[in-house]
């Protein structure tokens, strides 16, 4: 294991969370629109918020990976 292993696992988990919650938000929003249920809109909003948090986490992970990479030798 390397020091980057936790970042890799965190990126995998954030990616899964992003895909799952984005899909859930769309499905709940479509169902809420069809049925007119206010509770489903709230669930869709929560799912969308979690998807945004996961996307932000992926950006943070990408920035940390590029910052911690060793500089390449120009020769």
PDB file of N, CA and C in Angstrom:
ATOM      1  N   UNK A   1       0.841  -1.193   0.000  1.00  0.00           N
ATOM      2  CA  UNK A   1       0.000   0.000   0.000  1.00  0.00           C
ATOM      3  C   UNK A   1       0.878   1.245   0.000  1.00  0.00           C
ATOM      4  N   UNK A   2       0.397   2.240  -0.681  1.00  0.00           N
ATOM      5  CA  UNK A   2       1.122   3.501  -0.727  1.00  0.00           C
ATOM      6  C   UNK A   2       0.317   4.570   0.000  1.00  0.00           C
ATOM      7  N   UNK A   3       0.924   5.712   0.128  1.00  0.00           N
ATOM      8  CA  UNK A   3       0.233   6.820   0.796  1.00  0.00           C
ATOM      9  C   UNK A   3      -0.946   7.320  -0.030  1.00  0.00           C
ATOM     10  N   UNK A   4      -0.940   7.023  -1.329  1.00  0.00           N
ATOM     11  CA  UNK A   4      -2.034   7.486  -2.183  1.00  0.00           C
ATOM     12  C   UNK A   4      -3.219   6.538  -2.179  1.00  0.00           C
ATOM     13  N   UNK A   5      -3.069   5.373  -1.583  1.00  0.00           N
ATOM     14  CA  UNK A   5      -4.159   4.404  -1.566  1.00  0.00           C
ATOM     15  C   UNK A   5      -5.432   4.958  -0.936  1.00  0.00           C
ATOM     16  N   UNK A   6      -5.346   5.674   0.193  1.00  0.00           N
ATOM     17  CA  UNK A   6      -6.589   6.242   0.743  1.00  0.00           C
ATOM     18  C   UNK A   6      -7.261   7.234  -0.215  1.00  0.00           C
ATOM     19  N   UNK A   7      -6.468   7.995  -0.955  1.00  0.00           N
ATOM     20  CA  UNK A   7      -7.065   8.919  -1.925  1.00  0.00           C
ATOM     21  C   UNK A   7      -7.742   8.159  -3.052  1.00  0.00           C
ATOM     22  N   UNK A   8      -7.143   7.065  -3.475  1.00  0.00           N
ATOM     23  CA  UNK A   8      -7.739   6.261  -4.544  1.00  0.00           C
ATOM     24  C   UNK A   8      -9.073   5.678  -4.079  1.00  0.00           C
ATOM     25  N   UNK A   9      -9.098   5.133  -2.868  1.00  0.00           N
ATOM     26  CA  UNK A   9     -10.336   4.579  -2.325  1.00  0.00           C
ATOM     27  C   UNK A   9     -11.385   5.671  -2.148  1.00  0.00           C
ATOM     28  N   UNK A  10     -10.952   6.817  -1.661  1.00  0.00           N
ATOM     29  CA  UNK A  10     -11.877   7.937  -1.480  1.00  0.00           C
ATOM     30  C   UNK A  10     -12.453   8.386  -2.819  1.00  0.00           C
ATOM     31  N   UNK A  11     -11.624   8.388  -3.861  1.00  0.00           N
ATOM     32  CA  UNK A  11     -12.102   8.767  -5.191  1.00  0.00           C
ATOM     33  C   UNK A  11     -13.110   7.753  -5.721  1.00  0.00           C
ATOM     34  N   UNK A  12     -12.842   6.476  -5.497  1.00  0.00           N
ATOM     35  CA  UNK A  12     -13.779   5.438  -5.941  1.00  0.00           C
ATOM     36  C   UNK A  12     -15.117   5.591  -5.231  1.00  0.00           C
ATOM     37  N   UNK A  13     -15.071   5.777  -3.919  1.00  0.00           N
ATOM     38  CA  UNK A  13     -16.314   5.921  -3.152  1.00  0.00           C
ATOM     39  C   UNK A  13     -17.074   7.189  -3.543  1.00  0.00           C
ATOM     40  N   UNK A  14     -16.352   8.275  -3.774  1.00  0.00           N
ATOM     41  CA  UNK A  14     -17.012   9.512  -4.195  1.00  0.00           C
ATOM     42  C   UNK A  14     -17.621   9.368  -5.582  1.00  0.00           C
ATOM     43  N   UNK A  15     -16.943   8.654  -6.461  1.00  0.00           N
ATOM     44  CA  UNK A  15     -17.491   8.419  -7.798  1.00  0.00           C
ATOM     45  C   UNK A  15     -18.767   7.603  -7.754  1.00  0.00           C
ATOM     46  N   UNK A  16     -18.759   6.567  -6.922  1.00  0.00           N
ATOM     47  CA  UNK A  16     -19.966   5.748  -6.761  1.00  0.00           C
ATOM     48  C   UNK A  16     -21.097   6.584  -6.170  1.00  0.00           C
ATOM     49  N   UNK A  17     -20.768   7.388  -5.159  1.00  0.00           N
ATOM     50  CA  UNK A  17     -21.785   8.241  -4.538  1.00  0.00           C
ATOM     51  C   UNK A  17     -22.329   9.259  -5.534  1.00  0.00           C
ATOM     52  N   UNK A  18     -21.446   9.824  -6.352  1.00  0.00           N
ATOM     53  CA  UNK A  18     -21.884  10.806  -7.347  1.00  0.00           C
ATOM     54  C   UNK A  18     -22.853  10.183  -8.346  1.00  0.00           C
ATOM     55  N   UNK A  19     -22.484   9.042  -8.892  1.00  0.00           N
ATOM     56  CA  UNK A  19     -23.350   8.390  -9.877  1.00  0.00           C
ATOM     57  C   UNK A  19     -24.676   7.944  -9.263  1.00  0.00           C
ATOM     58  N   UNK A  20     -24.601   7.337  -8.095  1.00  0.00           N
ATOM     59  CA  UNK A  20     -25.814   6.821  -7.457  1.00  0.00           C
ATOM     60  C   UNK A  20     -26.778   7.906  -7.031  1.00  0.00           C
ATOM     61  N   UNK A  21     -26.252   8.939  -6.395  1.00  0.00           N
ATOM     62  CA  UNK A  21     -27.147   9.990  -5.910  1.00  0.00           C
ATOM     63  C   UNK A  21     -27.648  10.884  -7.041  1.00  0.00           C
ATOM     64  N   UNK A  22     -26.852  11.072  -8.084  1.00  0.00           N
ATOM     65  CA  UNK A  22     -27.338  11.853  -9.230  1.00  0.00           C
ATOM     66  C   UNK A  22     -28.479  11.112  -9.924  1.00  0.00           C
ATOM     67  N   UNK A  23     -28.309   9.813 -10.096  1.00  0.00           N
ATOM     68  CA  UNK A  23     -29.381   9.018 -10.709  1.00  0.00           C
ATOM     69  C   UNK A  23     -30.626   9.012  -9.826  1.00  0.00           C
ATOM     70  N   UNK A  24     -30.430   8.873  -8.523  1.00  0.00           N
ATOM     71  CA  UNK A  24     -31.565   8.870  -7.599  1.00  0.00           C
ATOM     72  C   UNK A  24     -32.280  10.222  -7.615  1.00  0.00           C
ATOM     73  N   UNK A  25     -31.511  11.313  -7.671  1.00  0.00           N
ATOM     74  CA  UNK A  25     -32.123  12.641  -7.705  1.00  0.00           C
ATOM     75  C   UNK A  25     -32.999  12.808  -8.943  1.00  0.00           C
ATOM     76  N   UNK A  26     -32.504  12.343 -10.080  1.00  0.00           N
ATOM     77  CA  UNK A  26     -33.287  12.447 -11.319  1.00  0.00           C
ATOM     78  C   UNK A  26     -34.553  11.598 -11.222  1.00  0.00           C
ATOM     79  N   UNK A  27     -34.409  10.375 -10.746  1.00  0.00           N
ATOM     80  CA  UNK A  27     -35.581   9.497 -10.642  1.00  0.00           C
ATOM     81  C   UNK A  27     -36.619  10.039  -9.663  1.00  0.00           C
ATOM     82  N   UNK A  28     -36.164  10.522  -8.504  1.00  0.00           N
ATOM     83  CA  UNK A  28     -37.106  11.086  -7.536  1.00  0.00           C
ATOM     84  C   UNK A  28     -37.763  12.350  -8.084  1.00  0.00           C
ATOM     85  N   UNK A  29     -37.006  13.175  -8.800  1.00  0.00           N
ATOM     86  CA  UNK A  29     -37.581  14.396  -9.363  1.00  0.00           C
ATOM     87  C   UNK A  29     -38.626  14.072 -10.429  1.00  0.00           C
ATOM     88  N   UNK A  30     -38.330  13.096 -11.274  1.00  0.00           N
ATOM     89  CA  UNK A  30     -39.311  12.705 -12.294  1.00  0.00           C
ATOM     90  C   UNK A  30     -40.573  12.127 -11.668  1.00  0.00           C
ATOM     91  N   UNK A  31     -40.398  11.313 -10.632  1.00  0.00           N
ATOM     92  CA  UNK A  31     -41.554  10.739  -9.946  1.00  0.00           C
ATOM     93  C   UNK A  31     -42.354  11.827  -9.234  1.00  0.00           C
ATOM     94  N   UNK A  32     -41.656  12.762  -8.600  1.00  0.00           N
ATOM     95  CA  UNK A  32     -42.344  13.853  -7.903  1.00  0.00           C
ATOM     96  C   UNK A  32     -43.105  14.733  -8.882  1.00  0.00           C
ATOM     97  N   UNK A  33     -42.530  14.969 -10.047  1.00  0.00           N
ATOM     98  CA  UNK A  33     -43.211  15.786 -11.050  1.00  0.00           C
ATOM     99  C   UNK A  33     -44.466  15.084 -11.557  1.00  0.00           C
ATOM    100  N   UNK A  34     -44.371  13.793 -11.739  1.00  0.00           N
ATOM    101  CA  UNK A  34     -45.513  13.031 -12.255  1.00  0.00           C
ATOM    102  C   UNK A  34     -46.622  12.926 -11.206  1.00  0.00           C
ATOM    103  N   UNK A  35     -46.237  12.699  -9.943  1.00  0.00           N
ATOM    104  CA  UNK A  35     -47.233  12.476  -8.895  1.00  0.00           C
ATOM    105  C   UNK A  35     -47.560  13.730  -8.102  1.00  0.00           C
ATOM    106  N   UNK A  36     -46.743  14.765  -8.204  1.00  0.00           N
ATOM    107  CA  UNK A  36     -46.992  15.993  -7.470  1.00  0.00           C
ATOM    108  C   UNK A  36     -46.768  15.871  -5.977  1.00  0.00           C
ATOM    109  N   UNK A  37     -45.888  14.982  -5.577  1.00  0.00           N
ATOM    110  CA  UNK A  37     -45.629  14.745  -4.156  1.00  0.00           C
ATOM    111  C   UNK A  37     -44.480  15.630  -3.681  1.00  0.00           C
ATOM    112  N   UNK A  38     -44.763  16.480  -2.688  1.00  0.00           N
ATOM    113  CA  UNK A  38     -43.745  17.377  -2.157  1.00  0.00           C
ATOM    114  C   UNK A  38     -42.634  16.664  -1.413  1.00  0.00           C
ATOM    115  N   UNK A  39     -42.958  15.540  -0.791  1.00  0.00           N
ATOM    116  CA  UNK A  39     -41.939  14.788  -0.065  1.00  0.00           C
ATOM    117  C   UNK A  39     -40.877  14.226  -0.983  1.00  0.00           C
ATOM    118  N   UNK A  40     -41.282  13.831  -2.176  1.00  0.00           N
ATOM    119  CA  UNK A  40     -40.307  13.309  -3.137  1.00  0.00           C
ATOM    120  C   UNK A  40     -39.381  14.405  -3.654  1.00  0.00           C
ATOM    121  N   UNK A  41     -39.907  15.635  -3.735  1.00  0.00           N
ATOM    122  CA  UNK A  41     -39.039  16.745  -4.128  1.00  0.00           C
ATOM    123  C   UNK A  41     -37.946  16.961  -3.088  1.00  0.00           C
ATOM    124  N   UNK A  42     -38.301  16.811  -1.819  1.00  0.00           N
ATOM    125  CA  UNK A  42     -37.309  16.972  -0.753  1.00  0.00           C
ATOM    126  C   UNK A  42     -36.240  15.889  -0.840  1.00  0.00           C
ATOM    127  N   UNK A  43     -36.660  14.661  -1.100  1.00  0.00           N
ATOM    128  CA  UNK A  43     -35.702  13.562  -1.241  1.00  0.00           C
ATOM    129  C   UNK A  43     -34.803  13.808  -2.454  1.00  0.00           C
ATOM    130  N   UNK A  44     -35.373  14.286  -3.547  1.00  0.00           N
ATOM    131  CA  UNK A  44     -34.581  14.594  -4.741  1.00  0.00           C
ATOM    132  C   UNK A  44     -33.559  15.688  -4.450  1.00  0.00           C
ATOM    133  N   UNK A  45     -33.957  16.688  -3.671  1.00  0.00           N
ATOM    134  CA  UNK A  45     -33.041  17.771  -3.318  1.00  0.00           C
ATOM    135  C   UNK A  45     -31.895  17.271  -2.446  1.00  0.00           C
ATOM    136  N   UNK A  46     -32.200  16.390  -1.499  1.00  0.00           N
ATOM    137  CA  UNK A  46     -31.153  15.822  -0.644  1.00  0.00           C
ATOM    138  C   UNK A  46     -30.181  14.998  -1.484  1.00  0.00           C
ATOM    139  N   UNK A  47     -30.702  14.193  -2.388  1.00  0.00           N
ATOM    140  CA  UNK A  47     -29.841  13.388  -3.270  1.00  0.00           C
ATOM    141  C   UNK A  47     -28.967  14.286  -4.143  1.00  0.00           C
ATOM    142  N   UNK A  48     -29.542  15.356  -4.659  1.00  0.00           N
ATOM    143  CA  UNK A  48     -28.773  16.282  -5.486  1.00  0.00           C
ATOM    144  C   UNK A  48     -27.675  16.965  -4.670  1.00  0.00           C
ATOM    145  N   UNK A  49     -27.975  17.319  -3.425  1.00  0.00           N
ATOM    146  CA  UNK A  49     -26.969  17.945  -2.567  1.00  0.00           C
ATOM    147  C   UNK A  49     -25.812  16.981  -2.291  1.00  0.00           C
ATOM    148  N   UNK A  50     -26.128  15.732  -2.040  1.00  0.00           N
ATOM    149  CA  UNK A  50     -25.077  14.739  -1.806  1.00  0.00           C
ATOM    150  C   UNK A  50     -24.243  14.545  -3.072  1.00  0.00           C
ATOM    151  N   UNK A  51     -24.878  14.571  -4.234  1.00  0.00           N
ATOM    152  CA  UNK A  51     -24.143  14.443  -5.497  1.00  0.00           C
ATOM    153  C   UNK A  51     -23.182  15.615  -5.692  1.00  0.00           C
ATOM    154  N   UNK A  52     -23.618  16.811  -5.335  1.00  0.00           N
ATOM    155  CA  UNK A  52     -22.750  17.984  -5.444  1.00  0.00           C
ATOM    156  C   UNK A  52     -21.564  17.854  -4.495  1.00  0.00           C
ATOM    157  N   UNK A  53     -21.809  17.394  -3.279  1.00  0.00           N
ATOM    158  CA  UNK A  53     -20.724  17.200  -2.315  1.00  0.00           C
ATOM    159  C   UNK A  53     -19.729  16.166  -2.836  1.00  0.00           C
ATOM    160  N   UNK A  54     -20.218  15.087  -3.422  1.00  0.00           N
ATOM    161  CA  UNK A  54     -19.331  14.060  -3.979  1.00  0.00           C
ATOM    162  C   UNK A  54     -18.509  14.625  -5.137  1.00  0.00           C
ATOM    163  N   UNK A  55     -19.121  15.461  -5.967  1.00  0.00           N
ATOM    164  CA  UNK A  55     -18.390  16.069  -7.082  1.00  0.00           C
ATOM    165  C   UNK A  55     -17.298  17.006  -6.576  1.00  0.00           C
ATOM    166  N   UNK A  56     -17.611  17.784  -5.553  1.00  0.00           N
ATOM    167  CA  UNK A  56     -16.609  18.668  -4.955  1.00  0.00           C
ATOM    168  C   UNK A  56     -15.472  17.845  -4.366  1.00  0.00           C
ATOM    169  N   UNK A  57     -15.797  16.740  -3.721  1.00  0.00           N
ATOM    170  CA  UNK A  57     -14.774  15.864  -3.153  1.00  0.00           C
ATOM    171  C   UNK A  57     -13.856  15.319  -4.244  1.00  0.00           C
ATOM    172  N   UNK A  58     -14.412  14.954  -5.390  1.00  0.00           N
ATOM    173  CA  UNK A  58     -13.582  14.471  -6.498  1.00  0.00           C
ATOM    174  C   UNK A  58     -12.635  15.558  -7.007  1.00  0.00           C
ATOM    175  N   UNK A  59     -13.090  16.797  -7.031  1.00  0.00           N
ATOM    176  CA  UNK A  59     -12.223  17.907  -7.441  1.00  0.00           C
ATOM    177  C   UNK A  59     -11.091  18.089  -6.438  1.00  0.00           C
ATOM    178  N   UNK A  60     -11.408  18.026  -5.156  1.00  0.00           N
ATOM    179  CA  UNK A  60     -10.386  18.158  -4.114  1.00  0.00           C
ATOM    180  C   UNK A  60      -9.360  17.034  -4.231  1.00  0.00           C
ATOM    181  N   UNK A  61      -9.821  15.823  -4.450  1.00  0.00           N
ATOM    182  CA  UNK A  61      -8.914  14.679  -4.591  1.00  0.00           C
ATOM    183  C   UNK A  61      -8.004  14.874  -5.801  1.00  0.00           C
ATOM    184  N   UNK A  62      -8.556  15.321  -6.914  1.00  0.00           N
ATOM    185  CA  UNK A  62      -7.743  15.540  -8.115  1.00  0.00           C
ATOM    186  C   UNK A  62      -6.681  16.605  -7.873  1.00  0.00           C
ATOM    187  N   UNK A  63      -7.036  17.653  -7.174  1.00  0.00           N
ATOM    188  CA  UNK A  63      -6.058  18.709  -6.869  1.00  0.00           C
ATOM    189  C   UNK A  63      -4.971  18.198  -5.941  1.00  0.00           C
ATOM    190  N   UNK A  64      -5.340  17.385  -4.966  1.00  0.00           N
ATOM    191  CA  UNK A  64      -4.333  16.827  -4.059  1.00  0.00           C
ATOM    192  C   UNK A  64      -3.394  15.877  -4.785  1.00  0.00           C
ATOM    193  N   UNK A  65      -3.933  15.101  -5.695  1.00  0.00           N
ATOM    194  CA  UNK A  65      -3.083  14.171  -6.454  1.00  0.00           C
ATOM    195  C   UNK A  65      -2.073  14.927  -7.311  1.00  0.00           C
ATOM    196  N   UNK A  66      -2.507  15.981  -7.975  1.00  0.00           N
ATOM    197  CA  UNK A  66      -1.574  16.728  -8.825  1.00  0.00           C
ATOM    198  C   UNK A  66      -0.564  17.498  -7.988  1.00  0.00           C
ATOM    199  N   UNK A  67      -0.961  17.936  -6.823  1.00  0.00           N
ATOM    200  CA  UNK A  67      -0.054  18.686  -5.962  1.00  0.00           C
ATOM    201  C   UNK A  67       0.999  17.784  -5.333  1.00  0.00           C
ATOM    202  N   UNK A  68       0.644  16.536  -5.024  1.00  0.00           N
ATOM    203  CA  UNK A  68       1.578  15.650  -4.334  1.00  0.00           C
ATOM    204  C   UNK A  68       2.445  14.835  -5.283  1.00  0.00           C
ATOM    205  N   UNK A  69       2.193  14.901  -6.573  1.00  0.00           N
ATOM    206  CA  UNK A  69       3.046  14.182  -7.524  1.00  0.00           C
ATOM    207  C   UNK A  69       4.431  14.799  -7.534  1.00  0.00           C
ATOM    208  N   UNK A  70       5.408  13.940  -7.667  1.00  0.00           N
ATOM    209  CA  UNK A  70       6.782  14.424  -7.721  1.00  0.00           C
ATOM    210  C   UNK A  70       7.016  15.118  -9.056  1.00  0.00           C
ATOM    211  N   UNK A  71       7.766  16.224  -9.030  1.00  0.00           N
ATOM    212  CA  UNK A  71       8.047  16.907 -10.299  1.00  0.00           C
ATOM    213  C   UNK A  71       8.918  16.026 -11.193  1.00  0.00           C
ATOM    214  N   UNK A  72       8.638  16.077 -12.466  1.00  0.00           N
ATOM    215  CA  UNK A  72       9.405  15.279 -13.421  1.00  0.00           C
ATOM    216  C   UNK A  72      10.724  15.957 -13.733  1.00  0.00           C
ATOM    217  N   UNK A  73      11.724  15.142 -13.969  1.00  0.00           N
ATOM    218  CA  UNK A  73      13.039  15.653 -14.324  1.00  0.00           C
ATOM    219  C   UNK A  73      13.012  16.088 -15.786  1.00  0.00           C
ATOM    220  N   UNK A  74      13.334  17.352 -16.096  1.00  0.00           N
ATOM    221  CA  UNK A  74      13.239  17.828 -17.474  1.00  0.00           C
ATOM    222  C   UNK A  74      14.254  17.179 -18.414  1.00  0.00           C
ATOM    223  N   UNK A  75      15.257  16.494 -17.909  1.00  0.00           N
ATOM    224  CA  UNK A  75      16.288  15.909 -18.768  1.00  0.00           C
ATOM    225  C   UNK A  75      15.948  14.542 -19.203  1.00  0.00           C
TER     226      UNK A  75
END
